[in-house]
Amino acid sequence: MVYHEDESRVRVGHAAANFAVLRRMANNLLQQERTLKRSVKTKRLKAALDERYLLKVLQT
């Protein structure tokens, strides 16, 4: 439960499945990013705080 899925209020239509796909994609991008030798949780926080790092993650 990395992204607090149980606390999510997404319930309408296919929204829950769509968000699950987005979460999986985000997790995969963070795992593929190798310049920062840290956990996915730490990489997620750094991407949230540092726009340059976020762009680096998205370009992988």
N, C-alpha and C. Protein backbone atom coordinates (compact mmCIF):
# COMPACT_ATOMS: atom_id res chain seq x y z
N MET A 1 0.84 -1.18 0.00
CA MET A 1 0.00 0.00 0.00
C MET A 1 0.88 1.24 0.00
N VAL A 2 1.51 1.48 -1.10
CA VAL A 2 2.47 2.57 -1.22
C VAL A 2 1.78 3.92 -1.34
N TYR A 3 0.68 3.97 -2.04
CA TYR A 3 0.01 5.24 -2.33
C TYR A 3 -1.28 5.42 -1.53
N HIS A 4 -1.43 4.71 -0.42
CA HIS A 4 -2.61 4.81 0.45
C HIS A 4 -3.90 4.56 -0.34
N GLU A 5 -3.93 3.47 -1.08
CA GLU A 5 -5.07 3.15 -1.91
C GLU A 5 -6.35 2.99 -1.10
N ASP A 6 -6.24 2.49 0.12
CA ASP A 6 -7.43 2.29 0.95
C ASP A 6 -8.09 3.62 1.33
N GLU A 7 -7.32 4.69 1.35
CA GLU A 7 -7.86 6.00 1.71
C GLU A 7 -8.39 6.76 0.50
N SER A 8 -8.23 6.21 -0.69
CA SER A 8 -8.66 6.88 -1.91
C SER A 8 -10.17 6.99 -1.97
N ARG A 9 -10.66 8.12 -2.46
CA ARG A 9 -12.09 8.34 -2.58
C ARG A 9 -12.55 8.17 -4.03
N VAL A 10 -11.71 7.62 -4.88
CA VAL A 10 -12.04 7.40 -6.28
C VAL A 10 -12.93 6.16 -6.36
N ARG A 11 -14.18 6.35 -6.71
CA ARG A 11 -15.13 5.24 -6.70
C ARG A 11 -16.02 5.17 -7.94
N VAL A 12 -16.04 6.18 -8.78
CA VAL A 12 -17.01 6.29 -9.88
C VAL A 12 -16.47 5.63 -11.14
N GLY A 13 -17.28 4.79 -11.75
CA GLY A 13 -16.94 4.19 -13.04
C GLY A 13 -15.64 3.41 -13.01
N HIS A 14 -14.79 3.70 -13.99
CA HIS A 14 -13.50 3.01 -14.12
C HIS A 14 -12.36 3.81 -13.49
N ALA A 15 -12.70 4.81 -12.71
CA ALA A 15 -11.68 5.70 -12.14
C ALA A 15 -10.68 4.94 -11.28
N ALA A 16 -11.14 4.00 -10.48
CA ALA A 16 -10.23 3.25 -9.61
C ALA A 16 -9.22 2.46 -10.43
N ALA A 17 -9.68 1.83 -11.50
CA ALA A 17 -8.77 1.06 -12.36
C ALA A 17 -7.80 1.99 -13.08
N ASN A 18 -8.29 3.15 -13.53
CA ASN A 18 -7.42 4.11 -14.21
C ASN A 18 -6.33 4.62 -13.28
N PHE A 19 -6.70 4.93 -12.04
CA PHE A 19 -5.70 5.40 -11.09
C PHE A 19 -4.72 4.29 -10.71
N ALA A 20 -5.17 3.06 -10.70
CA ALA A 20 -4.26 1.94 -10.42
C ALA A 20 -3.21 1.85 -11.52
N VAL A 21 -3.60 2.07 -12.76
CA VAL A 21 -2.65 2.05 -13.88
C VAL A 21 -1.65 3.20 -13.72
N LEU A 22 -2.13 4.39 -13.38
CA LEU A 22 -1.23 5.53 -13.19
C LEU A 22 -0.25 5.29 -12.05
N ARG A 23 -0.73 4.71 -10.95
CA ARG A 23 0.16 4.41 -9.82
C ARG A 23 1.23 3.41 -10.22
N ARG A 24 0.83 2.39 -10.98
CA ARG A 24 1.79 1.38 -11.44
C ARG A 24 2.84 2.00 -12.35
N MET A 25 2.40 2.89 -13.25
CA MET A 25 3.34 3.56 -14.16
C MET A 25 4.32 4.43 -13.37
N ALA A 26 3.82 5.17 -12.40
CA ALA A 26 4.68 6.03 -11.58
C ALA A 26 5.70 5.20 -10.81
N ASN A 27 5.25 4.10 -10.25
CA ASN A 27 6.14 3.22 -9.51
C ASN A 27 7.23 2.64 -10.42
N ASN A 28 6.85 2.22 -11.62
CA ASN A 28 7.82 1.67 -12.57
C ASN A 28 8.85 2.72 -12.99
N LEU A 29 8.40 3.95 -13.24
CA LEU A 29 9.34 5.01 -13.61
C LEU A 29 10.33 5.28 -12.49
N LEU A 30 9.86 5.29 -11.26
CA LEU A 30 10.76 5.53 -10.13
C LEU A 30 11.74 4.39 -9.94
N GLN A 31 11.31 3.17 -10.19
CA GLN A 31 12.22 2.03 -10.08
C GLN A 31 13.28 2.04 -11.18
N GLN A 32 12.93 2.52 -12.36
CA GLN A 32 13.87 2.55 -13.49
C GLN A 32 14.90 3.65 -13.35
N GLU A 33 14.59 4.70 -12.61
CA GLU A 33 15.50 5.83 -12.45
C GLU A 33 16.66 5.40 -11.55
N ARG A 34 17.88 5.44 -12.07
CA ARG A 34 19.05 4.88 -11.37
C ARG A 34 20.05 5.92 -10.86
N THR A 35 19.86 7.21 -11.12
CA THR A 35 20.86 8.18 -10.69
C THR A 35 20.85 8.38 -9.18
N LEU A 36 19.71 8.18 -8.54
CA LEU A 36 19.60 8.32 -7.10
C LEU A 36 19.45 6.93 -6.50
N LYS A 37 20.42 6.52 -5.72
CA LYS A 37 20.42 5.18 -5.13
C LYS A 37 19.66 5.19 -3.80
N ARG A 38 18.36 5.37 -3.89
CA ARG A 38 17.50 5.42 -2.71
C ARG A 38 16.26 4.58 -2.94
N SER A 39 15.42 4.49 -1.93
CA SER A 39 14.17 3.72 -2.05
C SER A 39 13.18 4.47 -2.94
N VAL A 40 12.17 3.74 -3.40
CA VAL A 40 11.13 4.35 -4.23
C VAL A 40 10.40 5.43 -3.43
N LYS A 41 10.20 5.19 -2.15
CA LYS A 41 9.54 6.18 -1.30
C LYS A 41 10.33 7.49 -1.27
N THR A 42 11.63 7.40 -1.12
CA THR A 42 12.48 8.58 -1.09
C THR A 42 12.51 9.27 -2.45
N LYS A 43 12.56 8.48 -3.51
CA LYS A 43 12.54 9.05 -4.86
C LYS A 43 11.23 9.78 -5.12
N ARG A 44 10.12 9.22 -4.62
CA ARG A 44 8.81 9.85 -4.79
C ARG A 44 8.77 11.20 -4.09
N LEU A 45 9.31 11.27 -2.89
CA LEU A 45 9.36 12.53 -2.15
C LEU A 45 10.24 13.54 -2.86
N LYS A 46 11.41 13.10 -3.33
CA LYS A 46 12.31 14.01 -4.04
C LYS A 46 11.67 14.53 -5.31
N ALA A 47 10.95 13.68 -6.04
CA ALA A 47 10.27 14.11 -7.26
C ALA A 47 9.18 15.12 -6.95
N ALA A 48 8.54 14.98 -5.80
CA ALA A 48 7.50 15.93 -5.41
C ALA A 48 8.08 17.29 -5.05
N LEU A 49 9.31 17.30 -4.52
CA LEU A 49 9.91 18.54 -4.05
C LEU A 49 10.85 19.20 -5.06
N ASP A 50 11.39 18.43 -5.98
CA ASP A 50 12.40 18.93 -6.92
C ASP A 50 11.93 18.72 -8.35
N GLU A 51 11.57 19.82 -9.00
CA GLU A 51 11.01 19.73 -10.36
C GLU A 51 12.03 19.17 -11.36
N ARG A 52 13.30 19.50 -11.19
CA ARG A 52 14.32 18.96 -12.11
C ARG A 52 14.43 17.45 -11.99
N TYR A 53 14.36 16.94 -10.77
CA TYR A 53 14.40 15.49 -10.58
C TYR A 53 13.15 14.84 -11.16
N LEU A 54 12.01 15.47 -10.98
CA LEU A 54 10.76 14.95 -11.56
C LEU A 54 10.89 14.83 -13.08
N LEU A 55 11.43 15.85 -13.73
CA LEU A 55 11.62 15.79 -15.18
C LEU A 55 12.59 14.69 -15.57
N LYS A 56 13.62 14.49 -14.76
CA LYS A 56 14.58 13.41 -15.02
C LYS A 56 13.89 12.05 -14.94
N VAL A 57 13.03 11.87 -13.94
CA VAL A 57 12.29 10.61 -13.79
C VAL A 57 11.36 10.40 -14.99
N LEU A 58 10.68 11.44 -15.41
CA LEU A 58 9.74 11.33 -16.52
C LEU A 58 10.44 11.07 -17.85
N GLN A 59 11.70 11.46 -17.97
CA GLN A 59 12.44 11.26 -19.21
C GLN A 59 13.04 9.87 -19.31
N THR A 60 13.02 9.08 -18.25
CA THR A 60 13.60 7.73 -18.31
C THR A 60 12.74 6.80 -19.11
